[in-house]
N, C-alpha and C. Protein backbone atom coordinates (compact mmCIF):
# COMPACT_ATOMS: atom_id res chain seq x y z
N MET A 1 -7.54 -118.50 -137.70
CA MET A 1 -6.03 -117.95 -137.80
C MET A 1 -6.38 -116.07 -138.67
N ILE A 2 -7.23 -116.30 -139.79
CA ILE A 2 -7.52 -115.01 -140.15
C ILE A 2 -8.18 -114.30 -139.32
N THR A 3 -9.13 -114.76 -138.24
CA THR A 3 -9.86 -113.89 -137.00
C THR A 3 -8.53 -113.59 -136.39
N THR A 4 -7.72 -114.37 -136.17
CA THR A 4 -6.49 -113.88 -135.00
C THR A 4 -5.77 -112.66 -135.82
N LEU A 5 -5.28 -113.08 -137.11
CA LEU A 5 -4.83 -112.05 -137.53
C LEU A 5 -5.28 -110.32 -137.47
N LEU A 6 -6.69 -110.32 -138.25
CA LEU A 6 -7.69 -109.25 -138.30
C LEU A 6 -7.93 -108.83 -136.73
N SER A 7 -7.86 -109.66 -136.09
CA SER A 7 -7.96 -109.19 -134.65
C SER A 7 -6.80 -108.16 -134.16
N PHE A 8 -5.67 -108.60 -134.84
CA PHE A 8 -4.23 -108.23 -133.98
C PHE A 8 -4.37 -106.76 -134.97
N ILE A 9 -4.54 -107.17 -136.28
CA ILE A 9 -4.04 -105.89 -137.25
C ILE A 9 -5.08 -104.75 -137.04
N GLY A 10 -6.48 -105.37 -136.29
CA GLY A 10 -7.51 -104.54 -136.32
C GLY A 10 -7.20 -103.67 -135.06
N GLY A 11 -6.84 -104.40 -133.85
CA GLY A 11 -6.54 -103.66 -132.61
C GLY A 11 -5.47 -102.95 -132.90
N SER A 12 -4.12 -103.31 -133.38
CA SER A 12 -3.25 -102.60 -133.84
C SER A 12 -3.42 -101.22 -134.83
N ALA A 13 -4.44 -101.43 -135.69
CA ALA A 13 -4.60 -100.06 -136.53
C ALA A 13 -5.59 -99.19 -135.98
N PHE A 14 -6.56 -100.02 -134.74
CA PHE A 14 -7.33 -99.25 -134.15
C PHE A 14 -6.79 -98.24 -132.74
N ARG A 15 -5.50 -99.15 -132.34
CA ARG A 15 -4.56 -98.15 -131.44
C ARG A 15 -3.79 -96.94 -132.13
N LEU A 16 -3.45 -97.33 -133.21
CA LEU A 16 -2.61 -96.67 -134.11
C LEU A 16 -3.42 -95.48 -134.91
N LEU A 17 -4.94 -95.76 -135.10
CA LEU A 17 -5.43 -94.72 -135.64
C LEU A 17 -6.34 -93.76 -134.24
N PHE A 18 -6.08 -94.38 -133.17
CA PHE A 18 -6.74 -93.62 -132.04
C PHE A 18 -5.65 -92.50 -131.67
N GLY A 19 -4.71 -93.14 -131.62
CA GLY A 19 -3.13 -92.51 -130.63
C GLY A 19 -2.96 -91.27 -131.70
N ALA A 20 -3.30 -91.82 -133.28
CA ALA A 20 -3.33 -90.30 -133.87
C ALA A 20 -3.99 -89.29 -133.87
N VAL A 21 -5.45 -89.93 -133.64
CA VAL A 21 -6.56 -88.61 -133.44
C VAL A 21 -6.52 -88.16 -132.01
N MET A 22 -5.52 -88.84 -131.03
CA MET A 22 -5.20 -88.48 -129.88
C MET A 22 -4.41 -87.15 -129.99
N ASP A 23 -3.36 -87.59 -130.49
CA ASP A 23 -1.99 -86.93 -130.59
C ASP A 23 -2.91 -85.27 -131.41
N TRP A 24 -3.48 -85.79 -132.58
CA TRP A 24 -4.07 -84.41 -133.45
C TRP A 24 -4.94 -83.78 -132.20
N ALA A 25 -5.46 -83.98 -131.60
CA ALA A 25 -6.89 -83.41 -130.41
C ALA A 25 -5.57 -82.71 -129.21
N ASN A 26 -5.00 -83.47 -129.29
CA ASN A 26 -3.76 -82.58 -127.84
C ASN A 26 -3.31 -81.69 -128.54
N LYS A 27 -2.55 -81.93 -129.82
CA LYS A 27 -1.99 -81.01 -130.34
C LYS A 27 -2.90 -79.23 -130.61
N LYS A 28 -3.93 -79.76 -131.41
CA LYS A 28 -5.30 -78.78 -131.19
C LYS A 28 -5.35 -77.59 -130.01
N GLN A 29 -5.29 -78.40 -128.87
CA GLN A 29 -6.00 -78.38 -127.90
C GLN A 29 -4.56 -77.06 -127.39
N ASP A 30 -3.25 -77.40 -127.40
CA ASP A 30 -1.67 -76.85 -127.22
C ASP A 30 -1.89 -75.80 -128.00
N HIS A 31 -2.19 -76.09 -129.15
CA HIS A 31 -2.53 -74.94 -130.09
C HIS A 31 -2.94 -73.68 -129.48
N GLN A 32 -4.65 -73.84 -129.49
CA GLN A 32 -5.41 -73.22 -128.98
C GLN A 32 -4.83 -72.80 -127.65
N GLN A 33 -3.95 -72.96 -126.97
CA GLN A 33 -3.93 -72.50 -125.84
C GLN A 33 -2.96 -71.50 -126.00
N GLU A 34 -1.72 -72.16 -126.79
CA GLU A 34 -0.71 -70.92 -127.14
C GLU A 34 -1.38 -69.66 -127.83
N MET A 35 -2.08 -70.08 -128.96
CA MET A 35 -3.06 -68.90 -129.29
C MET A 35 -3.89 -67.81 -128.60
N ASP A 36 -4.51 -68.53 -127.47
CA ASP A 36 -5.13 -67.81 -126.47
C ASP A 36 -4.20 -67.24 -125.38
N LEU A 37 -2.99 -67.84 -125.14
CA LEU A 37 -1.92 -67.06 -124.37
C LEU A 37 -0.87 -66.04 -125.50
N GLN A 38 -1.23 -66.12 -126.71
CA GLN A 38 -0.44 -65.07 -127.62
C GLN A 38 -1.42 -63.92 -127.41
N ARG A 39 -2.94 -64.27 -127.19
CA ARG A 39 -3.83 -62.96 -127.41
C ARG A 39 -3.73 -62.43 -125.83
N LEU A 40 -3.72 -62.96 -125.07
CA LEU A 40 -3.81 -62.14 -123.44
C LEU A 40 -2.42 -61.46 -123.66
N GLN A 41 -1.17 -62.11 -124.04
CA GLN A 41 -0.24 -61.49 -124.17
C GLN A 41 -0.30 -60.03 -124.69
N SER A 42 -0.77 -60.22 -126.00
CA SER A 42 -0.92 -58.93 -126.56
C SER A 42 -2.00 -57.61 -125.92
N GLU A 43 -2.79 -58.27 -125.66
CA GLU A 43 -4.08 -57.31 -124.83
C GLU A 43 -3.11 -56.95 -123.61
N LEU A 44 -2.43 -57.35 -122.81
CA LEU A 44 -1.60 -56.96 -121.66
C LEU A 44 -0.61 -56.06 -121.89
N GLU A 45 -0.07 -56.11 -123.33
CA GLU A 45 0.97 -55.55 -123.51
C GLU A 45 0.35 -54.03 -124.19
N ALA A 46 -0.87 -54.17 -124.91
CA ALA A 46 -1.37 -52.78 -125.34
C ALA A 46 -1.90 -52.19 -124.13
N THR A 47 -2.78 -52.62 -123.04
CA THR A 47 -2.86 -51.98 -121.91
C THR A 47 -1.53 -51.49 -121.10
N ARG A 48 -0.43 -52.20 -120.59
CA ARG A 48 0.72 -51.46 -120.63
C ARG A 48 1.09 -50.31 -121.28
N HIS A 49 1.08 -50.48 -122.88
CA HIS A 49 1.43 -49.36 -123.48
C HIS A 49 0.69 -48.18 -123.67
N ALA A 50 -0.85 -48.62 -123.20
CA ALA A 50 -1.53 -46.95 -123.04
C ALA A 50 -1.43 -46.57 -121.69
N ARG A 51 -1.37 -47.40 -120.84
CA ARG A 51 -1.16 -46.88 -119.42
C ARG A 51 0.30 -46.02 -119.27
N ASP A 52 1.45 -46.51 -120.20
CA ASP A 52 2.78 -46.01 -120.32
C ASP A 52 2.44 -44.45 -121.08
N LEU A 53 1.89 -44.93 -122.15
CA LEU A 53 1.41 -43.40 -122.74
C LEU A 53 0.78 -42.52 -121.87
N GLU A 54 -0.29 -42.83 -121.18
CA GLU A 54 -1.04 -41.67 -120.13
C GLU A 54 -0.16 -41.56 -118.85
N ARG A 55 0.90 -42.29 -118.45
CA ARG A 55 1.52 -41.50 -117.32
C ARG A 55 2.94 -40.99 -118.32
N ILE A 56 3.25 -40.75 -119.35
CA ILE A 56 3.96 -40.17 -120.02
C ILE A 56 3.17 -38.61 -120.53
N ARG A 57 2.01 -38.60 -121.26
CA ARG A 57 1.33 -37.66 -121.09
C ARG A 57 0.71 -36.72 -119.89
N LEU A 58 0.90 -37.22 -118.44
CA LEU A 58 0.59 -36.77 -117.34
C LEU A 58 1.67 -35.86 -117.28
N GLN A 59 3.21 -36.38 -117.26
CA GLN A 59 3.92 -36.13 -117.16
C GLN A 59 4.47 -34.90 -117.69
N SER A 60 4.54 -34.81 -118.69
CA SER A 60 4.34 -33.98 -119.63
C SER A 60 3.36 -32.98 -119.53
N ASP A 61 2.13 -32.89 -119.30
CA ASP A 61 1.14 -32.13 -118.62
C ASP A 61 1.62 -30.97 -117.08
N LEU A 62 2.34 -31.87 -116.68
CA LEU A 62 2.86 -31.50 -114.85
C LEU A 62 4.00 -30.91 -115.32
N GLY A 63 5.06 -30.85 -116.43
CA GLY A 63 5.98 -30.79 -116.44
C GLY A 63 5.39 -28.78 -116.84
N ILE A 64 4.86 -28.98 -118.35
CA ILE A 64 4.34 -27.59 -118.48
C ILE A 64 3.66 -27.20 -117.71
N LYS A 65 2.71 -27.88 -116.72
CA LYS A 65 2.64 -26.71 -115.60
C LYS A 65 3.69 -26.13 -114.50
N GLU A 66 4.38 -26.99 -114.62
CA GLU A 66 5.71 -26.40 -113.85
C GLU A 66 6.47 -24.95 -114.51
N VAL A 67 6.32 -25.12 -115.61
CA VAL A 67 6.95 -24.23 -116.35
C VAL A 67 6.09 -22.85 -116.65
N ILE A 68 4.55 -23.17 -116.55
CA ILE A 68 3.84 -22.09 -116.40
C ILE A 68 3.83 -21.32 -114.86
N VAL A 69 4.05 -22.08 -114.33
CA VAL A 69 4.03 -21.56 -112.69
C VAL A 69 4.98 -20.77 -112.30
N ALA A 70 6.26 -21.56 -112.76
CA ALA A 70 7.46 -20.65 -112.87
C ALA A 70 7.82 -19.49 -113.31
N GLY A 71 7.29 -19.44 -114.54
CA GLY A 71 6.81 -18.20 -115.37
C GLY A 71 6.19 -17.32 -114.60
N ASP A 72 5.08 -17.66 -113.76
CA ASP A 72 3.93 -16.97 -113.23
C ASP A 72 5.08 -16.16 -112.19
N ILE A 73 5.74 -16.97 -111.12
CA ILE A 73 6.18 -16.61 -110.42
C ILE A 73 7.04 -15.59 -110.84
N ALA A 74 8.03 -15.98 -111.80
CA ALA A 74 8.91 -14.72 -112.24
C ALA A 74 8.30 -13.83 -112.54
N GLU A 75 7.41 -13.75 -113.08
CA GLU A 75 6.96 -12.16 -113.65
C GLU A 75 5.98 -11.72 -112.57
N GLN A 76 5.75 -12.29 -111.46
CA GLN A 76 4.94 -11.51 -109.86
C GLN A 76 5.99 -11.31 -109.32
N LYS A 77 7.09 -11.64 -109.19
CA LYS A 77 8.55 -11.36 -108.62
C LYS A 77 8.70 -9.89 -109.42
N VAL A 78 8.90 -9.70 -110.32
CA VAL A 78 9.39 -8.66 -111.40
C VAL A 78 8.39 -7.81 -111.16
N MET A 79 6.96 -7.98 -111.23
CA MET A 79 5.91 -6.87 -110.96
C MET A 79 6.11 -5.98 -109.35
N ALA A 80 6.46 -7.41 -107.98
CA ALA A 80 6.79 -6.96 -106.89
C ALA A 80 7.72 -5.66 -106.69
N ASP A 81 8.60 -6.46 -107.67
CA ASP A 81 10.11 -5.62 -107.45
C ASP A 81 9.99 -4.32 -108.11
N ALA A 82 9.18 -4.17 -108.95
CA ALA A 82 8.63 -2.90 -109.98
C ALA A 82 8.24 -1.82 -108.62
N PHE A 83 6.65 -2.58 -108.35
CA PHE A 83 6.22 -1.66 -107.41
C PHE A 83 7.05 -1.10 -106.31
N LEU A 84 7.75 -2.13 -105.74
CA LEU A 84 8.49 -1.47 -104.36
C LEU A 84 9.63 -0.79 -104.66
N GLU A 85 9.97 -0.52 -106.28
CA GLU A 85 10.90 0.44 -106.64
C GLU A 85 10.11 1.72 -106.88
N ALA A 86 9.24 1.75 -107.39
CA ALA A 86 8.06 2.93 -107.46
C ALA A 86 7.57 3.43 -106.54
N VAL A 87 7.45 2.90 -105.23
CA VAL A 87 6.83 3.20 -103.98
C VAL A 87 8.49 3.99 -103.56
N LYS A 88 9.52 3.44 -103.42
CA LYS A 88 10.75 4.00 -103.04
C LYS A 88 11.15 5.44 -103.56
N GLU A 89 10.61 5.24 -104.99
CA GLU A 89 11.22 6.91 -105.33
C GLU A 89 10.07 7.71 -105.03
N THR A 90 8.77 7.50 -104.88
CA THR A 90 7.99 8.47 -104.44
C THR A 90 7.97 9.05 -103.25
N GLY A 91 9.07 8.66 -102.28
CA GLY A 91 9.31 9.10 -100.71
C GLY A 91 10.41 10.06 -101.44
N ARG A 92 11.51 10.36 -102.65
CA ARG A 92 12.56 10.51 -102.86
C ARG A 92 12.66 12.07 -103.08
N ALA A 93 13.13 13.06 -103.06
CA ALA A 93 13.41 14.44 -102.93
C ALA A 93 13.42 14.87 -104.40
N THR A 94 12.96 15.72 -104.90
CA THR A 94 13.13 16.33 -106.11
C THR A 94 14.16 17.42 -106.23
N GLY A 95 14.01 18.03 -104.93
CA GLY A 95 14.43 19.35 -105.12
C GLY A 95 13.72 20.19 -105.75
N ILE A 96 12.58 20.25 -106.51
CA ILE A 96 11.58 21.33 -106.48
C ILE A 96 10.63 21.26 -105.38
N LYS A 97 10.26 22.58 -104.42
CA LYS A 97 9.80 22.67 -103.46
C LYS A 97 8.59 22.32 -103.94
N PHE A 98 7.72 22.63 -104.55
CA PHE A 98 5.93 22.60 -104.85
C PHE A 98 5.71 21.06 -105.18
N VAL A 99 6.66 20.41 -105.83
CA VAL A 99 6.54 18.71 -105.79
C VAL A 99 7.08 18.24 -105.34
N ASP A 100 7.97 18.70 -103.80
CA ASP A 100 8.58 17.92 -102.87
C ASP A 100 7.37 17.55 -102.01
N ALA A 101 6.66 19.49 -101.88
CA ALA A 101 5.31 19.42 -100.95
C ALA A 101 4.20 18.63 -101.28
N TRP A 102 3.90 18.81 -102.76
CA TRP A 102 2.95 17.64 -102.97
C TRP A 102 3.04 16.63 -102.44
N ASN A 103 3.88 15.71 -103.04
CA ASN A 103 4.65 14.43 -103.05
C ASN A 103 4.25 13.84 -101.24
N ALA A 104 4.81 14.86 -100.51
CA ALA A 104 4.68 14.56 -99.36
C ALA A 104 3.42 14.80 -98.31
N GLY A 105 2.43 15.81 -99.11
CA GLY A 105 0.90 15.69 -98.73
C GLY A 105 0.26 14.88 -99.35
N ILE A 106 0.45 14.48 -100.43
CA ILE A 106 -0.98 13.56 -100.75
C ILE A 106 -1.19 12.45 -100.26
N ARG A 107 -0.16 11.32 -100.19
CA ARG A 107 -0.05 10.49 -99.33
C ARG A 107 -1.09 10.33 -98.15
N PRO A 108 -1.08 11.28 -97.01
CA PRO A 108 -1.21 11.08 -95.85
C PRO A 108 -2.76 11.96 -96.22
N ALA A 109 -2.51 13.02 -97.33
CA ALA A 109 -4.45 13.50 -97.48
C ALA A 109 -4.85 12.59 -98.28
N GLY A 110 -4.62 11.51 -99.16
CA GLY A 110 -5.46 10.74 -99.81
C GLY A 110 -5.81 9.44 -98.79
N ALA A 111 -5.13 8.94 -98.16
CA ALA A 111 -5.40 8.07 -96.91
C ALA A 111 -6.70 8.80 -95.81
N SER A 112 -6.24 9.92 -95.78
CA SER A 112 -7.40 10.35 -94.72
C SER A 112 -8.67 10.61 -95.12
N ILE A 113 -8.69 10.80 -96.51
CA ILE A 113 -9.83 11.20 -97.50
C ILE A 113 -10.39 9.93 -97.39
N SER A 114 -9.55 8.54 -97.99
CA SER A 114 -10.17 7.58 -97.96
C SER A 114 -10.72 6.94 -96.84
N LEU A 115 -9.89 6.87 -95.58
CA LEU A 115 -10.50 6.54 -94.21
C LEU A 115 -11.75 7.35 -93.51
N ALA A 116 -11.95 8.60 -94.04
CA ALA A 116 -13.18 9.35 -93.49
C ALA A 116 -14.34 8.95 -94.28
N ILE A 117 -13.97 8.47 -96.04
CA ILE A 117 -15.00 8.24 -96.89
C ILE A 117 -15.59 6.62 -96.00
N TRP A 118 -14.49 5.43 -95.74
CA TRP A 118 -14.97 4.72 -95.30
C TRP A 118 -15.92 4.18 -93.80
N ILE A 119 -15.18 5.65 -93.25
CA ILE A 119 -15.85 5.41 -92.03
C ILE A 119 -17.21 6.07 -92.24
N GLY A 120 -17.29 6.87 -92.90
CA GLY A 120 -18.65 7.67 -93.01
C GLY A 120 -19.39 6.33 -93.71
N THR A 121 -19.31 5.59 -94.48
CA THR A 121 -19.59 4.25 -94.89
C THR A 121 -20.54 3.29 -94.02
N MET A 122 -19.43 3.30 -93.08
CA MET A 122 -19.49 1.97 -91.85
C MET A 122 -21.10 2.73 -91.38
N ILE A 123 -20.62 4.04 -90.28
CA ILE A 123 -21.81 4.16 -89.51
C ILE A 123 -23.06 4.37 -90.00
N ALA A 124 -23.35 4.98 -91.58
CA ALA A 124 -24.45 4.90 -92.87
C ALA A 124 -25.11 3.83 -92.18
N ALA A 125 -24.24 2.30 -92.50
CA ALA A 125 -24.45 0.82 -92.78
C ALA A 125 -24.91 0.63 -91.24
N GLY A 126 -24.75 1.47 -90.16
CA GLY A 126 -25.31 0.60 -88.69
C GLY A 126 -24.09 0.02 -87.98
N MET A 127 -22.73 0.21 -88.41
CA MET A 127 -21.73 0.02 -87.70
C MET A 127 -21.76 -1.75 -88.19
N VAL A 128 -22.11 -2.09 -89.21
CA VAL A 128 -22.32 -3.40 -89.47
C VAL A 128 -21.05 -4.00 -90.46
N LEU A 129 -20.43 -4.88 -90.28
CA LEU A 129 -18.78 -4.72 -91.10
C LEU A 129 -19.08 -5.90 -91.84
N THR A 130 -18.97 -5.53 -93.22
CA THR A 130 -19.04 -6.31 -94.19
C THR A 130 -17.79 -7.28 -94.68
N ASP A 131 -17.36 -8.22 -95.17
CA ASP A 131 -16.23 -8.87 -95.85
C ASP A 131 -15.20 -7.87 -96.06
N PHE A 132 -15.74 -6.98 -97.06
CA PHE A 132 -14.91 -5.72 -97.41
C PHE A 132 -14.13 -4.90 -96.26
N ASP A 133 -15.01 -4.56 -95.70
CA ASP A 133 -14.56 -4.20 -94.07
C ASP A 133 -13.82 -5.05 -93.35
N ARG A 134 -14.17 -5.97 -93.03
CA ARG A 134 -13.21 -7.00 -92.08
C ARG A 134 -11.15 -6.84 -93.13
N THR A 135 -11.71 -7.02 -94.70
CA THR A 135 -10.53 -6.87 -95.20
C THR A 135 -9.48 -6.09 -95.15
N LEU A 136 -10.25 -4.80 -94.85
CA LEU A 136 -9.53 -3.41 -94.72
C LEU A 136 -9.04 -2.97 -93.69
N ILE A 137 -9.65 -3.39 -92.65
CA ILE A 137 -9.28 -3.60 -91.56
C ILE A 137 -7.84 -4.20 -91.16
N ALA A 138 -8.14 -5.83 -91.44
CA ALA A 138 -6.66 -6.11 -91.74
C ALA A 138 -5.62 -5.56 -92.45
N ALA A 139 -6.16 -5.03 -93.43
CA ALA A 139 -4.62 -4.51 -94.09
C ALA A 139 -4.21 -3.40 -93.74
N PHE A 140 -5.13 -2.51 -93.28
CA PHE A 140 -4.41 -1.36 -92.21
C PHE A 140 -3.52 -1.61 -91.26
N LEU A 141 -4.31 -3.10 -90.50
CA LEU A 141 -3.26 -3.72 -89.03
C LEU A 141 -1.85 -3.77 -89.95
N GLY A 142 -2.35 -4.83 -90.87
CA GLY A 142 -0.72 -5.09 -91.58
C GLY A 142 0.20 -4.18 -91.82
N ILE A 143 -0.34 -2.93 -92.23
CA ILE A 143 0.64 -1.90 -92.82
C ILE A 143 0.74 -0.64 -91.48
N PHE A 144 0.17 -0.75 -90.89
CA PHE A 144 0.41 0.16 -90.06
C PHE A 144 1.13 -0.59 -88.79
N VAL A 145 0.95 -2.04 -88.19
CA VAL A 145 0.92 -2.38 -87.22
C VAL A 145 2.52 -3.25 -87.58
N GLY A 146 1.91 -3.96 -88.62
CA GLY A 146 3.16 -5.01 -88.79
C GLY A 146 4.24 -4.67 -89.50
N GLU A 147 4.14 -3.75 -90.06
CA GLU A 147 5.67 -2.86 -90.83
C GLU A 147 6.37 -2.38 -89.53
N ARG A 148 5.41 -1.49 -88.62
CA ARG A 148 6.64 -1.10 -87.54
C ARG A 148 7.08 -2.72 -86.69
N ILE A 149 6.37 -3.92 -86.35
CA ILE A 149 7.16 -4.79 -85.81
C ILE A 149 8.56 -5.14 -86.62
N HIS A 150 8.22 -5.21 -88.36
CA HIS A 150 9.09 -5.58 -88.96
C HIS A 150 10.24 -4.60 -88.67
N GLU A 151 9.85 -2.81 -88.49
CA GLU A 151 11.20 -2.21 -88.98
C GLU A 151 11.66 -2.85 -87.47
N ARG A 152 11.45 -2.93 -86.12
CA ARG A 152 11.77 -3.83 -84.82
C ARG A 152 12.72 -4.60 -84.99
N MET A 153 12.07 -5.43 -85.63
CA MET A 153 12.77 -7.03 -85.93
C MET A 153 14.15 -6.57 -86.66
N LYS A 154 14.19 -5.38 -87.76
CA LYS A 154 15.07 -5.33 -88.54
C LYS A 154 16.49 -4.29 -87.97
N ARG A 155 16.32 -3.92 -86.65
CA ARG A 155 17.23 -3.21 -85.61
C ARG A 155 17.96 -4.30 -85.07
């Protein structure tokens, strides 16, 4: 009878002890999984935060560049308007005959002298066109031919 009682208590005690150990192991494993999940979530949030900061920095840089570009455009427009106004003023008569004659002759004379020097340089180079020559030809065509076409379109 004692053997039966010891077997029963021993089996129950072993089952109880084994169950407690298994519960402890399961809880430890659950706790480790929860800690791993928390660590991964923390790393994910840190990565997301860094990505958001980089996106905000890029948006800020782009915003600054937009402001700089807008300022440059405004400055160039003001300079172009001032240049056009200065060009318009060069053709305005002053009422002084000598100054008006000088103003009427200086542009054609300067253009003729520059054209003669340029043609002389091209002849001396054997009529081989450089990039500068091509650019200058394009500018002449744009000014003299393009201006006339533009004037005809205004009519």
